[in-house]
Amino acid sequence: METSEQGAVRAVFEDLGGFNAVRQQGEGEGPLVGHLLRANIQLAAIPVFARKGIAETTVNDLLETARVSRRTFYKYFANKMDVLESIYRTAVVLLLARFREMQDDAGSAEAWLRGMVARFFDYHLAVGPIIRLMQEEALRADSPLASHRQRAHEEMGRLLAERLHGEGDERDPLTYRALIWAMEAASLELLTGAATAIEIERAKTVLGDLLIAALRPRAA
């Protein structure tokens, strides 16, 4: 039976695009069943990592929670860190996919920027403990997550430049990176401090204002 913790994670996962989004992004090769098995192991592992931390989590913990055989586990993952890296990579893929969808649907650049900030914080706070753990791990230069964080920042920067460049607004790429760092740091601070709903909404407003002031000064 699925726990409430796993149910919350699954709800966020599906809201971001779920299994179909992973499949469309081309994560790995093979039939759909392979994608579903990988995703199931990832989803089951999230509460385990969040509860026990990286050091204390074992492959046996992941096998038991996902209810898969050792043979099935090692068909898709080399070890527990490979699972965590896959979770982080999948999270990035799904979040960026949602940002792209919002980019197409938003009526204005300002609305998209505010929507992106809101989605970023909502997602991070909905599955807070695992996001905090992965963020801290990705900040370590020697972590396998570090390169994915770097690519995620580059892709988010490209999305910002893409939308704004089309309206004649070119910026130094470092401008986008600095704004992404600000969002990331604010998210980590909120996750570390068990922020209240009011503080979260304040962060959304302030970061939204910051992005608009920096990237759309005429509209600020």
C-alpha atoms as a PDB file:
ATOM      1  CA  MET A   1       0.000   0.000   0.000  1.00  0.00           C
ATOM      2  CA  GLU A   2       1.284   3.456  -0.918  1.00  0.00           C
ATOM      3  CA  THR A   3       2.135   5.690   2.046  1.00  0.00           C
ATOM      4  CA  SER A   4       0.916   9.277   2.272  1.00  0.00           C
ATOM      5  CA  GLU A   5       4.527  10.381   1.802  1.00  0.00           C
ATOM      6  CA  GLN A   6       4.862   8.399  -1.424  1.00  0.00           C
ATOM      7  CA  GLY A   7       1.440   9.619  -2.537  1.00  0.00           C
ATOM      8  CA  ALA A   8       2.505  13.248  -2.160  1.00  0.00           C
ATOM      9  CA  VAL A   9       5.659  12.616  -4.186  1.00  0.00           C
ATOM     10  CA  ARG A  10       3.698  10.796  -6.882  1.00  0.00           C
ATOM     11  CA  ALA A  11       1.184  13.667  -7.075  1.00  0.00           C
ATOM     12  CA  VAL A  12       3.976  16.183  -7.687  1.00  0.00           C
ATOM     13  CA  PHE A  13       5.627  13.835 -10.189  1.00  0.00           C
ATOM     14  CA  GLU A  14       2.394  13.446 -12.155  1.00  0.00           C
ATOM     15  CA  ASP A  15       1.668  17.183 -11.966  1.00  0.00           C
ATOM     16  CA  LEU A  16       5.016  17.851 -13.625  1.00  0.00           C
ATOM     17  CA  GLY A  17       4.288  15.446 -16.459  1.00  0.00           C
ATOM     18  CA  GLY A  18       4.842  12.019 -14.943  1.00  0.00           C
ATOM     19  CA  PHE A  19       5.854   8.872 -16.757  1.00  0.00           C
ATOM     20  CA  ASN A  20       4.923  10.234 -20.159  1.00  0.00           C
ATOM     21  CA  ALA A  21       7.201  13.257 -19.743  1.00  0.00           C
ATOM     22  CA  VAL A  22      10.123  11.011 -18.823  1.00  0.00           C
ATOM     23  CA  ARG A  23       9.461   8.826 -21.843  1.00  0.00           C
ATOM     24  CA  GLN A  24       9.194  11.823 -24.180  1.00  0.00           C
ATOM     25  CA  GLN A  25      12.462  13.242 -22.876  1.00  0.00           C
ATOM     26  CA  GLY A  26      14.175  10.004 -23.914  1.00  0.00           C
ATOM     27  CA  GLU A  27      15.665   8.966 -20.584  1.00  0.00           C
ATOM     28  CA  GLY A  28      17.421   5.722 -21.467  1.00  0.00           C
ATOM     29  CA  GLU A  29      16.444   3.164 -24.083  1.00  0.00           C
ATOM     30  CA  GLY A  30      14.041   0.270 -24.281  1.00  0.00           C
ATOM     31  CA  PRO A  31      10.308  -0.301 -24.060  1.00  0.00           C
ATOM     32  CA  LEU A  32       7.918   1.709 -21.936  1.00  0.00           C
ATOM     33  CA  VAL A  33       7.915  -0.965 -19.244  1.00  0.00           C
ATOM     34  CA  GLY A  34      11.562  -0.185 -18.587  1.00  0.00           C
ATOM     35  CA  HIS A  35      10.778   3.494 -18.079  1.00  0.00           C
ATOM     36  CA  LEU A  36       7.969   2.598 -15.702  1.00  0.00           C
ATOM     37  CA  LEU A  37      10.178   0.281 -13.648  1.00  0.00           C
ATOM     38  CA  ARG A  38      12.915   2.888 -13.401  1.00  0.00           C
ATOM     39  CA  ALA A  39      10.405   5.569 -12.435  1.00  0.00           C
ATOM     40  CA  ASN A  40       8.822   3.270  -9.842  1.00  0.00           C
ATOM     41  CA  ILE A  41      12.191   2.628  -8.187  1.00  0.00           C
ATOM     42  CA  GLN A  42      12.939   6.360  -8.206  1.00  0.00           C
ATOM     43  CA  LEU A  43       9.585   7.260  -6.667  1.00  0.00           C
ATOM     44  CA  ALA A  44       9.883   4.582  -3.992  1.00  0.00           C
ATOM     45  CA  ALA A  45      13.428   5.693  -3.154  1.00  0.00           C
ATOM     46  CA  ILE A  46      12.560   9.365  -2.571  1.00  0.00           C
ATOM     47  CA  PRO A  47      10.973   8.958   0.891  1.00  0.00           C
ATOM     48  CA  VAL A  48      13.766   6.568   1.914  1.00  0.00           C
ATOM     49  CA  PHE A  49      16.548   9.015   1.052  1.00  0.00           C
ATOM     50  CA  ALA A  50      14.579  11.872   2.615  1.00  0.00           C
ATOM     51  CA  ARG A  51      14.045   9.961   5.850  1.00  0.00           C
ATOM     52  CA  LYS A  52      17.404   8.200   6.263  1.00  0.00           C
ATOM     53  CA  GLY A  53      19.824  10.405   4.337  1.00  0.00           C
ATOM     54  CA  ILE A  54      22.350   9.271   1.756  1.00  0.00           C
ATOM     55  CA  ALA A  55      24.822   7.609   4.109  1.00  0.00           C
ATOM     56  CA  GLU A  56      22.276   5.489   5.967  1.00  0.00           C
ATOM     57  CA  THR A  57      20.222   4.407   2.961  1.00  0.00           C
ATOM     58  CA  THR A  58      21.096   0.964   1.605  1.00  0.00           C
ATOM     59  CA  VAL A  59      20.249  -0.873  -1.596  1.00  0.00           C
ATOM     60  CA  ASN A  60      18.252  -3.320   0.532  1.00  0.00           C
ATOM     61  CA  ASP A  61      16.115  -0.391   1.753  1.00  0.00           C
ATOM     62  CA  LEU A  62      15.385   0.535  -1.839  1.00  0.00           C
ATOM     63  CA  LEU A  63      14.592  -3.041  -2.856  1.00  0.00           C
ATOM     64  CA  GLU A  64      12.155  -3.432   0.017  1.00  0.00           C
ATOM     65  CA  THR A  65      10.385  -0.125  -0.582  1.00  0.00           C
ATOM     66  CA  ALA A  66      10.127  -0.507  -4.372  1.00  0.00           C
ATOM     67  CA  ARG A  67       9.235  -4.208  -4.037  1.00  0.00           C
ATOM     68  CA  VAL A  68      11.581  -5.272  -6.801  1.00  0.00           C
ATOM     69  CA  SER A  69      14.153  -8.037  -6.963  1.00  0.00           C
ATOM     70  CA  ARG A  70      17.869  -7.369  -6.699  1.00  0.00           C
ATOM     71  CA  ARG A  71      18.218  -8.549 -10.290  1.00  0.00           C
ATOM     72  CA  THR A  72      15.646  -5.990 -11.504  1.00  0.00           C
ATOM     73  CA  PHE A  73      17.273  -3.215  -9.480  1.00  0.00           C
ATOM     74  CA  TYR A  74      20.736  -3.836 -10.917  1.00  0.00           C
ATOM     75  CA  LYS A  75      19.318  -4.002 -14.426  1.00  0.00           C
ATOM     76  CA  TYR A  76      18.608  -0.276 -14.187  1.00  0.00           C
ATOM     77  CA  PHE A  77      20.918   1.083 -11.476  1.00  0.00           C
ATOM     78  CA  ALA A  78      24.518   0.449 -10.476  1.00  0.00           C
ATOM     79  CA  ASN A  79      24.109   1.456  -6.819  1.00  0.00           C
ATOM     80  CA  LYS A  80      22.149   3.770  -4.512  1.00  0.00           C
ATOM     81  CA  MET A  81      23.976   6.880  -5.719  1.00  0.00           C
ATOM     82  CA  ASP A  82      22.993   5.992  -9.264  1.00  0.00           C
ATOM     83  CA  VAL A  83      19.362   6.018  -8.080  1.00  0.00           C
ATOM     84  CA  LEU A  84      19.777   9.420  -6.416  1.00  0.00           C
ATOM     85  CA  GLU A  85      21.474  10.802  -9.517  1.00  0.00           C
ATOM     86  CA  SER A  86      18.626   9.455 -11.646  1.00  0.00           C
ATOM     87  CA  ILE A  87      16.040  11.048  -9.337  1.00  0.00           C
ATOM     88  CA  TYR A  88      17.816  14.392  -9.612  1.00  0.00           C
ATOM     89  CA  ARG A  89      18.135  14.112 -13.387  1.00  0.00           C
ATOM     90  CA  THR A  90      14.463  13.163 -13.740  1.00  0.00           C
ATOM     91  CA  ALA A  91      13.399  16.026 -11.466  1.00  0.00           C
ATOM     92  CA  VAL A  92      15.341  18.471 -13.644  1.00  0.00           C
ATOM     93  CA  VAL A  93      13.871  17.039 -16.863  1.00  0.00           C
ATOM     94  CA  LEU A  94      10.300  17.252 -15.595  1.00  0.00           C
ATOM     95  CA  LEU A  95      10.639  20.739 -14.117  1.00  0.00           C
ATOM     96  CA  LEU A  96      12.251  22.132 -17.271  1.00  0.00           C
ATOM     97  CA  ALA A  97       9.524  20.498 -19.361  1.00  0.00           C
ATOM     98  CA  ARG A  98       6.898  22.262 -17.276  1.00  0.00           C
ATOM     99  CA  PHE A  99       8.744  25.584 -17.628  1.00  0.00           C
ATOM    100  CA  ARG A 100       8.660  25.150 -21.420  1.00  0.00           C
ATOM    101  CA  GLU A 101       4.925  24.444 -21.343  1.00  0.00           C
ATOM    102  CA  MET A 102       4.357  27.523 -19.195  1.00  0.00           C
ATOM    103  CA  GLN A 103       6.465  29.553 -21.600  1.00  0.00           C
ATOM    104  CA  ASP A 104       4.119  28.649 -24.449  1.00  0.00           C
ATOM    105  CA  ASP A 105       0.950  29.257 -22.415  1.00  0.00           C
ATOM    106  CA  ALA A 106       1.866  32.480 -20.600  1.00  0.00           C
ATOM    107  CA  GLY A 107       0.303  35.622 -22.021  1.00  0.00           C
ATOM    108  CA  SER A 108       3.351  37.787 -21.340  1.00  0.00           C
ATOM    109  CA  ALA A 109       6.991  37.485 -20.367  1.00  0.00           C
ATOM    110  CA  GLU A 110       6.190  38.936 -16.946  1.00  0.00           C
ATOM    111  CA  ALA A 111       3.440  36.368 -16.327  1.00  0.00           C
ATOM    112  CA  TRP A 112       5.787  33.564 -17.357  1.00  0.00           C
ATOM    113  CA  LEU A 113       8.548  34.765 -15.030  1.00  0.00           C
ATOM    114  CA  ARG A 114       6.182  34.924 -12.056  1.00  0.00           C
ATOM    115  CA  GLY A 115       4.666  31.565 -12.971  1.00  0.00           C
ATOM    116  CA  MET A 116       8.084  29.960 -13.272  1.00  0.00           C
ATOM    117  CA  VAL A 117       9.151  31.270  -9.857  1.00  0.00           C
ATOM    118  CA  ALA A 118       5.904  30.025  -8.288  1.00  0.00           C
ATOM    119  CA  ARG A 119       6.277  26.585  -9.875  1.00  0.00           C
ATOM    120  CA  PHE A 120       9.916  26.371  -8.788  1.00  0.00           C
ATOM    121  CA  PHE A 121       9.096  27.038  -5.134  1.00  0.00           C
ATOM    122  CA  ASP A 122       5.910  24.979  -5.098  1.00  0.00           C
ATOM    123  CA  TYR A 123       7.758  21.971  -6.473  1.00  0.00           C
ATOM    124  CA  HIS A 124      10.724  22.306  -4.151  1.00  0.00           C
ATOM    125  CA  LEU A 125       8.578  22.729  -1.074  1.00  0.00           C
ATOM    126  CA  ALA A 126       6.118  19.968  -1.973  1.00  0.00           C
ATOM    127  CA  VAL A 127       8.879  17.355  -1.751  1.00  0.00           C
ATOM    128  CA  GLY A 128      11.137  19.430   0.483  1.00  0.00           C
ATOM    129  CA  PRO A 129      13.412  16.962   2.295  1.00  0.00           C
ATOM    130  CA  ILE A 130      14.608  15.140  -0.826  1.00  0.00           C
ATOM    131  CA  ILE A 131      15.070  18.400  -2.750  1.00  0.00           C
ATOM    132  CA  ARG A 132      17.124  19.835   0.096  1.00  0.00           C
ATOM    133  CA  LEU A 133      19.241  16.681   0.256  1.00  0.00           C
ATOM    134  CA  MET A 134      19.838  16.705  -3.515  1.00  0.00           C
ATOM    135  CA  GLN A 135      20.556  20.434  -3.618  1.00  0.00           C
ATOM    136  CA  GLU A 136      23.178  20.097  -0.902  1.00  0.00           C
ATOM    137  CA  GLU A 137      24.677  17.069  -2.623  1.00  0.00           C
ATOM    138  CA  ALA A 138      24.721  18.793  -6.027  1.00  0.00           C
ATOM    139  CA  LEU A 139      26.675  21.726  -4.559  1.00  0.00           C
ATOM    140  CA  ARG A 140      29.589  19.384  -3.879  1.00  0.00           C
ATOM    141  CA  ALA A 141      32.026  19.642  -6.797  1.00  0.00           C
ATOM    142  CA  ASP A 142      32.891  15.936  -6.638  1.00  0.00           C
ATOM    143  CA  SER A 143      29.267  14.757  -6.599  1.00  0.00           C
ATOM    144  CA  PRO A 144      27.762  12.994  -9.644  1.00  0.00           C
ATOM    145  CA  LEU A 145      24.838  15.412  -9.253  1.00  0.00           C
ATOM    146  CA  ALA A 146      27.039  18.480  -9.799  1.00  0.00           C
ATOM    147  CA  SER A 147      27.192  18.186 -13.590  1.00  0.00           C
ATOM    148  CA  HIS A 148      23.396  17.833 -13.784  1.00  0.00           C
ATOM    149  CA  ARG A 149      22.976  20.974 -11.683  1.00  0.00           C
ATOM    150  CA  GLN A 150      25.324  22.808 -14.043  1.00  0.00           C
ATOM    151  CA  ARG A 151      23.388  21.662 -17.111  1.00  0.00           C
ATOM    152  CA  ALA A 152      20.062  22.514 -15.460  1.00  0.00           C
ATOM    153  CA  HIS A 153      21.242  26.051 -14.795  1.00  0.00           C
ATOM    154  CA  GLU A 154      22.454  26.388 -18.385  1.00  0.00           C
ATOM    155  CA  GLU A 155      19.124  25.139 -19.740  1.00  0.00           C
ATOM    156  CA  MET A 156      17.133  27.469 -17.480  1.00  0.00           C
ATOM    157  CA  GLY A 157      19.356  30.332 -18.637  1.00  0.00           C
ATOM    158  CA  ARG A 158      18.669  29.398 -22.256  1.00  0.00           C
ATOM    159  CA  LEU A 159      14.933  29.332 -21.604  1.00  0.00           C
ATOM    160  CA  LEU A 160      15.081  32.825 -20.121  1.00  0.00           C
ATOM    161  CA  ALA A 161      17.232  34.136 -22.962  1.00  0.00           C
ATOM    162  CA  GLU A 162      15.032  32.425 -25.562  1.00  0.00           C
ATOM    163  CA  ARG A 163      11.851  34.080 -24.354  1.00  0.00           C
ATOM    164  CA  LEU A 164      13.350  37.524 -23.791  1.00  0.00           C
ATOM    165  CA  HIS A 165      15.705  37.544 -26.775  1.00  0.00           C
ATOM    166  CA  GLY A 166      12.690  37.111 -29.032  1.00  0.00           C
ATOM    167  CA  GLU A 167      11.502  40.480 -27.805  1.00  0.00           C
ATOM    168  CA  GLY A 168      14.854  42.152 -28.419  1.00  0.00           C
ATOM    169  CA  ASP A 169      16.194  41.791 -24.879  1.00  0.00           C
ATOM    170  CA  GLU A 170      19.724  40.372 -24.846  1.00  0.00           C
ATOM    171  CA  ARG A 171      21.643  39.970 -21.585  1.00  0.00           C
ATOM    172  CA  ASP A 172      24.986  38.713 -20.426  1.00  0.00           C
ATOM    173  CA  PRO A 173      24.458  34.962 -19.742  1.00  0.00           C
ATOM    174  CA  LEU A 174      25.847  35.508 -16.250  1.00  0.00           C
ATOM    175  CA  THR A 175      22.789  37.651 -15.498  1.00  0.00           C
ATOM    176  CA  TYR A 176      20.543  34.625 -15.950  1.00  0.00           C
ATOM    177  CA  ARG A 177      22.857  32.402 -13.941  1.00  0.00           C
ATOM    178  CA  ALA A 178      22.949  34.892 -11.063  1.00  0.00           C
ATOM    179  CA  LEU A 179      19.151  35.024 -10.936  1.00  0.00           C
ATOM    180  CA  ILE A 180      18.954  31.212 -10.952  1.00  0.00           C
ATOM    181  CA  TRP A 181      21.499  31.093  -8.118  1.00  0.00           C
ATOM    182  CA  ALA A 182      19.298  33.514  -6.164  1.00  0.00           C
ATOM    183  CA  MET A 183      16.256  31.271  -6.644  1.00  0.00           C
ATOM    184  CA  GLU A 184      18.232  28.179  -5.668  1.00  0.00           C
ATOM    185  CA  ALA A 185      19.706  29.823  -2.559  1.00  0.00           C
ATOM    186  CA  ALA A 186      16.307  31.129  -1.475  1.00  0.00           C
ATOM    187  CA  SER A 187      14.765  27.677  -1.932  1.00  0.00           C
ATOM    188  CA  LEU A 188      17.493  26.027   0.123  1.00  0.00           C
ATOM    189  CA  GLU A 189      17.112  28.645   2.847  1.00  0.00           C
ATOM    190  CA  LEU A 190      13.354  28.067   3.024  1.00  0.00           C
ATOM    191  CA  LEU A 191      13.769  24.292   3.076  1.00  0.00           C
ATOM    192  CA  THR A 192      16.386  24.489   5.820  1.00  0.00           C
ATOM    193  CA  GLY A 193      14.326  26.821   7.975  1.00  0.00           C
ATOM    194  CA  ALA A 194      10.930  25.096   7.738  1.00  0.00           C
ATOM    195  CA  ALA A 195       9.377  28.234   6.294  1.00  0.00           C
ATOM    196  CA  THR A 196       5.741  29.154   6.886  1.00  0.00           C
ATOM    197  CA  ALA A 197       3.222  29.551   4.046  1.00  0.00           C
ATOM    198  CA  ILE A 198       3.458  33.324   4.433  1.00  0.00           C
ATOM    199  CA  GLU A 199       7.237  33.264   4.095  1.00  0.00           C
ATOM    200  CA  ILE A 200       6.998  31.067   1.015  1.00  0.00           C
ATOM    201  CA  GLU A 201       4.538  33.395  -0.683  1.00  0.00           C
ATOM    202  CA  ARG A 202       6.740  36.348   0.224  1.00  0.00           C
ATOM    203  CA  ALA A 203       9.730  34.592  -1.379  1.00  0.00           C
ATOM    204  CA  LYS A 204       7.727  33.971  -4.563  1.00  0.00           C
ATOM    205  CA  THR A 205       6.772  37.643  -4.751  1.00  0.00           C
ATOM    206  CA  VAL A 206      10.259  38.952  -4.014  1.00  0.00           C
ATOM    207  CA  LEU A 207      12.003  36.585  -6.472  1.00  0.00           C
ATOM    208  CA  GLY A 208       9.374  37.294  -9.113  1.00  0.00           C
ATOM    209  CA  ASP A 209       9.932  41.024  -8.630  1.00  0.00           C
ATOM    210  CA  LEU A 210      13.705  40.473  -8.850  1.00  0.00           C
ATOM    211  CA  LEU A 211      13.509  38.594 -12.153  1.00  0.00           C
ATOM    212  CA  ILE A 212      11.164  41.158 -13.681  1.00  0.00           C
ATOM    213  CA  ALA A 213      13.266  44.095 -12.461  1.00  0.00           C
ATOM    214  CA  ALA A 214      16.428  42.518 -13.876  1.00  0.00           C
ATOM    215  CA  LEU A 215      15.045  41.135 -17.125  1.00  0.00           C
ATOM    216  CA  ARG A 216      12.031  43.346 -17.871  1.00  0.00           C
ATOM    217  CA  PRO A 217      12.923  46.723 -16.304  1.00  0.00           C
ATOM    218  CA  ARG A 218      10.395  48.633 -18.426  1.00  0.00           C
ATOM    219  CA  ALA A 219       7.584  46.551 -16.886  1.00  0.00           C
ATOM    220  CA  ALA A 220       8.829  46.769 -13.285  1.00  0.00           C
END
